[in-house]
């Protein structure tokens, strides 16, 4: 029996089309890259940032719209500024 994919799964597979989608996708890529450079697993970063692992996964996949507070917590855990994480220059 085929079951329809969840909305999150569909959103994760979707290619960014709007400026908002591109921004969130880039934010996720930067977060994942900074996490990798620090040698942290997603679980470790979530613990250090005091956010749920699911919330961090959504951030890295460009799903949803993280709050400023979540971005600050993740940036601190990655030892970078929120501005570096957001990178409004792009």
PDB file of N, CA and C in Angstrom:
ATOM      1  N   UNK A   1       0.832  -1.176   0.000  1.00  0.00           N
ATOM      2  CA  UNK A   1       0.000   0.000   0.000  1.00  0.00           C
ATOM      3  C   UNK A   1       0.883   1.249   0.000  1.00  0.00           C
ATOM      4  N   UNK A   2       0.696   2.129  -0.947  1.00  0.00           N
ATOM      5  CA  UNK A   2       1.469   3.363  -1.031  1.00  0.00           C
ATOM      6  C   UNK A   2       0.840   4.426  -0.156  1.00  0.00           C
ATOM      7  N   UNK A   3       1.659   5.036   0.685  1.00  0.00           N
ATOM      8  CA  UNK A   3       1.184   6.108   1.538  1.00  0.00           C
ATOM      9  C   UNK A   3       1.763   7.419   1.042  1.00  0.00           C
ATOM     10  N   UNK A   4       0.985   8.487   1.096  1.00  0.00           N
ATOM     11  CA  UNK A   4       1.517   9.780   0.645  1.00  0.00           C
ATOM     12  C   UNK A   4       2.653  10.245   1.546  1.00  0.00           C
ATOM     13  N   UNK A   5       3.625  10.897   0.948  1.00  0.00           N
ATOM     14  CA  UNK A   5       4.754  11.421   1.711  1.00  0.00           C
ATOM     15  C   UNK A   5       4.278  12.565   2.600  1.00  0.00           C
ATOM     16  N   UNK A   6       4.929  12.710   3.735  1.00  0.00           N
ATOM     17  CA  UNK A   6       4.566  13.810   4.635  1.00  0.00           C
ATOM     18  C   UNK A   6       4.949  15.140   4.002  1.00  0.00           C
ATOM     19  N   UNK A   7       4.360  16.204   4.539  1.00  0.00           N
ATOM     20  CA  UNK A   7       4.684  17.538   4.020  1.00  0.00           C
ATOM     21  C   UNK A   7       6.145  17.875   4.237  1.00  0.00           C
ATOM     22  N   UNK A   8       6.697  17.464   5.379  1.00  0.00           N
ATOM     23  CA  UNK A   8       8.113  17.750   5.640  1.00  0.00           C
ATOM     24  C   UNK A   8       8.996  17.066   4.616  1.00  0.00           C
ATOM     25  N   UNK A   9       8.682  15.820   4.286  1.00  0.00           N
ATOM     26  CA  UNK A   9       9.470  15.087   3.305  1.00  0.00           C
ATOM     27  C   UNK A   9       9.381  15.778   1.949  1.00  0.00           C
ATOM     28  N   UNK A  10       8.182  16.187   1.584  1.00  0.00           N
ATOM     29  CA  UNK A  10       8.011  16.887   0.313  1.00  0.00           C
ATOM     30  C   UNK A  10       8.761  18.209   0.314  1.00  0.00           C
ATOM     31  N   UNK A  11       8.705  18.938   1.421  1.00  0.00           N
ATOM     32  CA  UNK A  11       9.409  20.217   1.508  1.00  0.00           C
ATOM     33  C   UNK A  11      10.911  20.023   1.420  1.00  0.00           C
ATOM     34  N   UNK A  12      11.417  18.955   2.031  1.00  0.00           N
ATOM     35  CA  UNK A  12      12.855  18.697   1.997  1.00  0.00           C
ATOM     36  C   UNK A  12      13.330  18.363   0.589  1.00  0.00           C
ATOM     37  N   UNK A  13      12.478  17.730  -0.205  1.00  0.00           N
ATOM     38  CA  UNK A  13      12.853  17.352  -1.569  1.00  0.00           C
ATOM     39  C   UNK A  13      12.700  18.500  -2.555  1.00  0.00           C
ATOM     40  N   UNK A  14      11.894  19.481  -2.183  1.00  0.00           N
ATOM     41  CA  UNK A  14      11.593  20.610  -3.057  1.00  0.00           C
ATOM     42  C   UNK A  14      12.833  21.465  -3.271  1.00  0.00           C
ATOM     43  N   UNK A  15      13.017  21.941  -4.460  1.00  0.00           N
ATOM     44  CA  UNK A  15      14.128  22.828  -4.750  1.00  0.00           C
ATOM     45  C   UNK A  15      13.715  24.254  -4.391  1.00  0.00           C
ATOM     46  N   UNK A  16      14.649  25.038  -3.822  1.00  0.00           N
ATOM     47  CA  UNK A  16      14.311  26.407  -3.464  1.00  0.00           C
ATOM     48  C   UNK A  16      13.889  27.200  -4.700  1.00  0.00           C
ATOM     49  N   UNK A  17      12.784  27.912  -4.573  1.00  0.00           N
ATOM     50  CA  UNK A  17      12.303  28.685  -5.704  1.00  0.00           C
ATOM     51  C   UNK A  17      12.184  30.159  -5.380  1.00  0.00           C
ATOM     52  N   UNK A  18      11.817  30.499  -4.165  1.00  0.00           N
ATOM     53  CA  UNK A  18      11.673  31.902  -3.804  1.00  0.00           C
ATOM     54  C   UNK A  18      12.917  32.379  -3.070  1.00  0.00           C
ATOM     55  N   UNK A  19      13.024  33.684  -2.923  1.00  0.00           N
ATOM     56  CA  UNK A  19      14.158  34.250  -2.196  1.00  0.00           C
ATOM     57  C   UNK A  19      14.177  33.726  -0.764  1.00  0.00           C
ATOM     58  N   UNK A  20      12.994  33.564  -0.152  1.00  0.00           N
ATOM     59  CA  UNK A  20      12.912  33.035   1.211  1.00  0.00           C
ATOM     60  C   UNK A  20      13.438  31.599   1.254  1.00  0.00           C
ATOM     61  N   UNK A  21      13.009  30.777   0.286  1.00  0.00           N
ATOM     62  CA  UNK A  21      13.473  29.387   0.234  1.00  0.00           C
ATOM     63  C   UNK A  21      14.987  29.325   0.053  1.00  0.00           C
ATOM     64  N   UNK A  22      15.516  30.159  -0.797  1.00  0.00           N
ATOM     65  CA  UNK A  22      16.961  30.179  -1.047  1.00  0.00           C
ATOM     66  C   UNK A  22      17.698  30.624   0.208  1.00  0.00           C
ATOM     67  N   UNK A  23      17.176  31.664   0.875  1.00  0.00           N
ATOM     68  CA  UNK A  23      17.797  32.143   2.104  1.00  0.00           C
ATOM     69  C   UNK A  23      17.839  31.042   3.155  1.00  0.00           C
ATOM     70  N   UNK A  24      16.719  30.358   3.373  1.00  0.00           N
ATOM     71  CA  UNK A  24      16.657  29.301   4.378  1.00  0.00           C
ATOM     72  C   UNK A  24      17.534  28.113   3.999  1.00  0.00           C
ATOM     73  N   UNK A  25      17.601  27.797   2.716  1.00  0.00           N
ATOM     74  CA  UNK A  25      18.459  26.718   2.252  1.00  0.00           C
ATOM     75  C   UNK A  25      19.933  27.067   2.488  1.00  0.00           C
ATOM     76  N   UNK A  26      20.309  28.301   2.173  1.00  0.00           N
ATOM     77  CA  UNK A  26      21.689  28.751   2.394  1.00  0.00           C
ATOM     78  C   UNK A  26      22.029  28.768   3.881  1.00  0.00           C
ATOM     79  N   UNK A  27      21.073  29.204   4.704  1.00  0.00           N
ATOM     80  CA  UNK A  27      21.265  29.204   6.147  1.00  0.00           C
ATOM     81  C   UNK A  27      21.517  27.781   6.644  1.00  0.00           C
ATOM     82  N   UNK A  28      20.751  26.853   6.146  1.00  0.00           N
ATOM     83  CA  UNK A  28      20.934  25.451   6.519  1.00  0.00           C
ATOM     84  C   UNK A  28      22.285  24.919   6.094  1.00  0.00           C
ATOM     85  N   UNK A  29      22.692  25.268   4.884  1.00  0.00           N
ATOM     86  CA  UNK A  29      24.002  24.819   4.386  1.00  0.00           C
ATOM     87  C   UNK A  29      25.146  25.398   5.214  1.00  0.00           C
ATOM     88  N   UNK A  30      25.040  26.684   5.577  1.00  0.00           N
ATOM     89  CA  UNK A  30      26.086  27.301   6.404  1.00  0.00           C
ATOM     90  C   UNK A  30      26.135  26.643   7.783  1.00  0.00           C
ATOM     91  N   UNK A  31      24.962  26.397   8.362  1.00  0.00           N
ATOM     92  CA  UNK A  31      24.904  25.763   9.679  1.00  0.00           C
ATOM     93  C   UNK A  31      25.543  24.384   9.639  1.00  0.00           C
ATOM     94  N   UNK A  32      25.188  23.607   8.638  1.00  0.00           N
ATOM     95  CA  UNK A  32      25.739  22.250   8.487  1.00  0.00           C
ATOM     96  C   UNK A  32      27.252  22.313   8.271  1.00  0.00           C
ATOM     97  N   UNK A  33      27.711  23.258   7.457  1.00  0.00           N
ATOM     98  CA  UNK A  33      29.143  23.396   7.194  1.00  0.00           C
ATOM     99  C   UNK A  33      29.925  23.794   8.432  1.00  0.00           C
ATOM    100  N   UNK A  34      29.397  24.762   9.193  1.00  0.00           N
ATOM    101  CA  UNK A  34      30.066  25.179  10.429  1.00  0.00           C
ATOM    102  C   UNK A  34      30.080  24.047  11.450  1.00  0.00           C
ATOM    103  N   UNK A  35      28.995  23.292  11.510  1.00  0.00           N
ATOM    104  CA  UNK A  35      28.936  22.146  12.423  1.00  0.00           C
ATOM    105  C   UNK A  35      29.992  21.107  12.034  1.00  0.00           C
ATOM    106  N   UNK A  36      30.107  20.850  10.744  1.00  0.00           N
ATOM    107  CA  UNK A  36      31.086  19.863  10.262  1.00  0.00           C
ATOM    108  C   UNK A  36      32.511  20.322  10.560  1.00  0.00           C
ATOM    109  N   UNK A  37      32.790  21.613  10.366  1.00  0.00           N
ATOM    110  CA  UNK A  37      34.133  22.130  10.645  1.00  0.00           C
ATOM    111  C   UNK A  37      34.506  22.008  12.110  1.00  0.00           C
ATOM    112  N   UNK A  38      33.514  22.094  12.971  1.00  0.00           N
ATOM    113  CA  UNK A  38      33.769  21.928  14.403  1.00  0.00           C
ATOM    114  C   UNK A  38      33.819  20.465  14.799  1.00  0.00           C
ATOM    115  N   UNK A  39      33.473  19.582  13.862  1.00  0.00           N
ATOM    116  CA  UNK A  39      33.514  18.147  14.144  1.00  0.00           C
ATOM    117  C   UNK A  39      32.404  17.675  15.072  1.00  0.00           C
ATOM    118  N   UNK A  40      31.268  18.378  15.031  1.00  0.00           N
ATOM    119  CA  UNK A  40      30.144  18.035  15.894  1.00  0.00           C
ATOM    120  C   UNK A  40      29.091  17.231  15.146  1.00  0.00           C
ATOM    121  N   UNK A  41      28.478  16.309  15.840  1.00  0.00           N
ATOM    122  CA  UNK A  41      27.308  15.645  15.282  1.00  0.00           C
ATOM    123  C   UNK A  41      26.118  16.575  15.484  1.00  0.00           C
ATOM    124  N   UNK A  42      25.042  16.281  14.800  1.00  0.00           N
ATOM    125  CA  UNK A  42      23.834  17.082  14.980  1.00  0.00           C
ATOM    126  C   UNK A  42      23.353  16.991  16.430  1.00  0.00           C
ATOM    127  N   UNK A  43      23.454  15.812  16.986  1.00  0.00           N
ATOM    128  CA  UNK A  43      23.026  15.601  18.372  1.00  0.00           C
ATOM    129  C   UNK A  43      23.864  16.443  19.337  1.00  0.00           C
ATOM    130  N   UNK A  44      25.173  16.473  19.125  1.00  0.00           N
ATOM    131  CA  UNK A  44      26.056  17.253  19.992  1.00  0.00           C
ATOM    132  C   UNK A  44      25.761  18.749  19.892  1.00  0.00           C
ATOM    133  N   UNK A  45      25.566  19.237  18.664  1.00  0.00           N
ATOM    134  CA  UNK A  45      25.264  20.656  18.492  1.00  0.00           C
ATOM    135  C   UNK A  45      23.918  21.002  19.120  1.00  0.00           C
ATOM    136  N   UNK A  46      22.936  20.158  18.939  1.00  0.00           N
ATOM    137  CA  UNK A  46      21.612  20.405  19.525  1.00  0.00           C
ATOM    138  C   UNK A  46      21.734  20.514  21.043  1.00  0.00           C
ATOM    139  N   UNK A  47      22.515  19.632  21.644  1.00  0.00           N
ATOM    140  CA  UNK A  47      22.703  19.673  23.096  1.00  0.00           C
ATOM    141  C   UNK A  47      23.406  20.959  23.505  1.00  0.00           C
ATOM    142  N   UNK A  48      24.486  21.323  22.803  1.00  0.00           N
ATOM    143  CA  UNK A  48      25.235  22.542  23.141  1.00  0.00           C
ATOM    144  C   UNK A  48      24.394  23.800  22.950  1.00  0.00           C
ATOM    145  N   UNK A  49      23.562  23.811  21.910  1.00  0.00           N
ATOM    146  CA  UNK A  49      22.726  24.977  21.614  1.00  0.00           C
ATOM    147  C   UNK A  49      21.434  24.983  22.422  1.00  0.00           C
ATOM    148  N   UNK A  50      21.161  23.887  23.108  1.00  0.00           N
ATOM    149  CA  UNK A  50      19.938  23.726  23.891  1.00  0.00           C
ATOM    150  C   UNK A  50      18.691  23.878  23.026  1.00  0.00           C
ATOM    151  N   UNK A  51      18.731  23.215  21.868  1.00  0.00           N
ATOM    152  CA  UNK A  51      17.574  23.132  20.972  1.00  0.00           C
ATOM    153  C   UNK A  51      17.343  21.653  20.674  1.00  0.00           C
ATOM    154  N   UNK A  52      16.142  21.325  20.245  1.00  0.00           N
ATOM    155  CA  UNK A  52      15.871  19.922  19.938  1.00  0.00           C
ATOM    156  C   UNK A  52      16.631  19.512  18.682  1.00  0.00           C
ATOM    157  N   UNK A  53      16.964  18.249  18.620  1.00  0.00           N
ATOM    158  CA  UNK A  53      17.654  17.725  17.446  1.00  0.00           C
ATOM    159  C   UNK A  53      16.772  17.883  16.201  1.00  0.00           C
ATOM    160  N   UNK A  54      15.475  17.692  16.357  1.00  0.00           N
ATOM    161  CA  UNK A  54      14.526  17.852  15.245  1.00  0.00           C
ATOM    162  C   UNK A  54      14.528  19.300  14.743  1.00  0.00           C
ATOM    163  N   UNK A  55      14.553  20.257  15.676  1.00  0.00           N
ATOM    164  CA  UNK A  55      14.572  21.669  15.289  1.00  0.00           C
ATOM    165  C   UNK A  55      15.856  21.983  14.513  1.00  0.00           C
ATOM    166  N   UNK A  56      16.966  21.451  14.983  1.00  0.00           N
ATOM    167  CA  UNK A  56      18.243  21.659  14.295  1.00  0.00           C
ATOM    168  C   UNK A  56      18.232  21.002  12.920  1.00  0.00           C
ATOM    169  N   UNK A  57      17.653  19.811  12.827  1.00  0.00           N
ATOM    170  CA  UNK A  57      17.550  19.131  11.527  1.00  0.00           C
ATOM    171  C   UNK A  57      16.737  19.979  10.553  1.00  0.00           C
ATOM    172  N   UNK A  58      15.634  20.543  11.023  1.00  0.00           N
ATOM    173  CA  UNK A  58      14.812  21.404  10.163  1.00  0.00           C
ATOM    174  C   UNK A  58      15.595  22.624   9.717  1.00  0.00           C
ATOM    175  N   UNK A  59      16.367  23.211  10.627  1.00  0.00           N
ATOM    176  CA  UNK A  59      17.192  24.364  10.284  1.00  0.00           C
ATOM    177  C   UNK A  59      18.182  23.994   9.185  1.00  0.00           C
ATOM    178  N   UNK A  60      18.873  22.859   9.356  1.00  0.00           N
ATOM    179  CA  UNK A  60      19.871  22.436   8.373  1.00  0.00           C
ATOM    180  C   UNK A  60      19.256  22.067   7.032  1.00  0.00           C
ATOM    181  N   UNK A  61      18.000  21.635   7.029  1.00  0.00           N
ATOM    182  CA  UNK A  61      17.323  21.279   5.775  1.00  0.00           C
ATOM    183  C   UNK A  61      16.618  22.472   5.133  1.00  0.00           C
ATOM    184  N   UNK A  62      16.648  23.636   5.794  1.00  0.00           N
ATOM    185  CA  UNK A  62      16.005  24.819   5.235  1.00  0.00           C
ATOM    186  C   UNK A  62      14.493  24.780   5.348  1.00  0.00           C
ATOM    187  N   UNK A  63      14.000  24.018   6.333  1.00  0.00           N
ATOM    188  CA  UNK A  63      12.559  23.903   6.547  1.00  0.00           C
ATOM    189  C   UNK A  63      12.175  24.795   7.718  1.00  0.00           C
ATOM    190  N   UNK A  64      11.079  25.483   7.592  1.00  0.00           N
ATOM    191  CA  UNK A  64      10.606  26.327   8.681  1.00  0.00           C
ATOM    192  C   UNK A  64      11.315  27.665   8.677  1.00  0.00           C
ATOM    193  N   UNK A  65      11.117  28.396   9.745  1.00  0.00           N
ATOM    194  CA  UNK A  65      11.696  29.722   9.861  1.00  0.00           C
ATOM    195  C   UNK A  65      12.155  29.893  11.307  1.00  0.00           C
ATOM    196  N   UNK A  66      13.429  29.631  11.582  1.00  0.00           N
ATOM    197  CA  UNK A  66      13.903  29.642  12.968  1.00  0.00           C
ATOM    198  C   UNK A  66      13.817  31.041  13.586  1.00  0.00           C
ATOM    199  N   UNK A  67      13.557  31.071  14.877  1.00  0.00           N
ATOM    200  CA  UNK A  67      13.498  32.348  15.589  1.00  0.00           C
ATOM    201  C   UNK A  67      14.908  32.920  15.737  1.00  0.00           C
ATOM    202  N   UNK A  68      14.958  34.197  16.032  1.00  0.00           N
ATOM    203  CA  UNK A  68      16.237  34.859  16.268  1.00  0.00           C
ATOM    204  C   UNK A  68      16.928  34.222  17.469  1.00  0.00           C
ATOM    205  N   UNK A  69      16.158  33.870  18.489  1.00  0.00           N
ATOM    206  CA  UNK A  69      16.740  33.252  19.676  1.00  0.00           C
ATOM    207  C   UNK A  69      17.391  31.908  19.341  1.00  0.00           C
ATOM    208  N   UNK A  70      16.721  31.097  18.525  1.00  0.00           N
ATOM    209  CA  UNK A  70      17.300  29.804  18.111  1.00  0.00           C
ATOM    210  C   UNK A  70      18.593  30.043  17.343  1.00  0.00           C
ATOM    211  N   UNK A  71      18.594  31.014  16.443  1.00  0.00           N
ATOM    212  CA  UNK A  71      19.804  31.324  15.673  1.00  0.00           C
ATOM    213  C   UNK A  71      20.938  31.763  16.596  1.00  0.00           C
ATOM    214  N   UNK A  72      20.625  32.574  17.602  1.00  0.00           N
ATOM    215  CA  UNK A  72      21.645  33.009  18.567  1.00  0.00           C
ATOM    216  C   UNK A  72      22.217  31.818  19.326  1.00  0.00           C
ATOM    217  N   UNK A  73      21.356  30.912  19.755  1.00  0.00           N
ATOM    218  CA  UNK A  73      21.807  29.743  20.509  1.00  0.00           C
ATOM    219  C   UNK A  73      22.699  28.851  19.654  1.00  0.00           C
ATOM    220  N   UNK A  74      22.298  28.638  18.411  1.00  0.00           N
ATOM    221  CA  UNK A  74      23.086  27.799  17.506  1.00  0.00           C
ATOM    222  C   UNK A  74      24.420  28.478  17.190  1.00  0.00           C
ATOM    223  N   UNK A  75      24.385  29.780  16.937  1.00  0.00           N
ATOM    224  CA  UNK A  75      25.619  30.519  16.635  1.00  0.00           C
ATOM    225  C   UNK A  75      26.599  30.438  17.811  1.00  0.00           C
ATOM    226  N   UNK A  76      26.096  30.636  19.012  1.00  0.00           N
ATOM    227  CA  UNK A  76      26.974  30.552  20.189  1.00  0.00           C
ATOM    228  C   UNK A  76      27.591  29.164  20.311  1.00  0.00           C
ATOM    229  N   UNK A  77      26.785  28.143  20.089  1.00  0.00           N
ATOM    230  CA  UNK A  77      27.292  26.770  20.181  1.00  0.00           C
ATOM    231  C   UNK A  77      28.328  26.480  19.101  1.00  0.00           C
ATOM    232  N   UNK A  78      28.218  27.173  17.969  1.00  0.00           N
ATOM    233  CA  UNK A  78      29.176  27.003  16.874  1.00  0.00           C
ATOM    234  C   UNK A  78      30.361  27.964  16.994  1.00  0.00           C
ATOM    235  N   UNK A  79      30.348  28.773  18.046  1.00  0.00           N
ATOM    236  CA  UNK A  79      31.411  29.747  18.290  1.00  0.00           C
ATOM    237  C   UNK A  79      31.557  30.723  17.124  1.00  0.00           C
ATOM    238  N   UNK A  80      30.426  31.226  16.676  1.00  0.00           N
ATOM    239  CA  UNK A  80      30.426  32.241  15.624  1.00  0.00           C
ATOM    240  C   UNK A  80      29.341  33.259  15.963  1.00  0.00           C
ATOM    241  N   UNK A  81      29.295  34.330  15.224  1.00  0.00           N
ATOM    242  CA  UNK A  81      28.255  35.328  15.445  1.00  0.00           C
ATOM    243  C   UNK A  81      26.994  34.922  14.683  1.00  0.00           C
ATOM    244  N   UNK A  82      25.866  35.438  15.137  1.00  0.00           N
ATOM    245  CA  UNK A  82      24.615  35.199  14.415  1.00  0.00           C
ATOM    246  C   UNK A  82      24.723  35.787  13.007  1.00  0.00           C
ATOM    247  N   UNK A  83      25.425  36.908  12.874  1.00  0.00           N
ATOM    248  CA  UNK A  83      25.607  37.529  11.563  1.00  0.00           C
ATOM    249  C   UNK A  83      26.363  36.601  10.613  1.00  0.00           C
ATOM    250  N   UNK A  84      27.372  35.906  11.124  1.00  0.00           N
ATOM    251  CA  UNK A  84      28.120  34.963  10.284  1.00  0.00           C
ATOM    252  C   UNK A  84      27.218  33.799   9.859  1.00  0.00           C
ATOM    253  N   UNK A  85      26.390  33.351  10.775  1.00  0.00           N
ATOM    254  CA  UNK A  85      25.480  32.238  10.482  1.00  0.00           C
ATOM    255  C   UNK A  85      24.458  32.664   9.431  1.00  0.00           C
ATOM    256  N   UNK A  86      23.915  33.866   9.578  1.00  0.00           N
ATOM    257  CA  UNK A  86      22.897  34.359   8.657  1.00  0.00           C
ATOM    258  C   UNK A  86      23.507  34.794   7.333  1.00  0.00           C
ATOM    259  N   UNK A  87      24.641  35.488   7.376  1.00  0.00           N
ATOM    260  CA  UNK A  87      25.364  35.949   6.189  1.00  0.00           C
ATOM    261  C   UNK A  87      24.466  36.699   5.217  1.00  0.00           C
ATOM    262  N   UNK A  88      24.049  37.887   5.613  1.00  0.00           N
ATOM    263  CA  UNK A  88      23.161  38.706   4.788  1.00  0.00           C
ATOM    264  C   UNK A  88      23.847  39.280   3.557  1.00  0.00           C
ATOM    265  N   UNK A  89      25.139  39.100   3.441  1.00  0.00           N
ATOM    266  CA  UNK A  89      25.889  39.610   2.285  1.00  0.00           C
ATOM    267  C   UNK A  89      25.479  38.914   0.997  1.00  0.00           C
ATOM    268  N   UNK A  90      25.057  37.653   1.073  1.00  0.00           N
ATOM    269  CA  UNK A  90      24.704  36.880  -0.135  1.00  0.00           C
ATOM    270  C   UNK A  90      23.446  37.379  -0.771  1.00  0.00           C
TER     271      UNK A  90
END
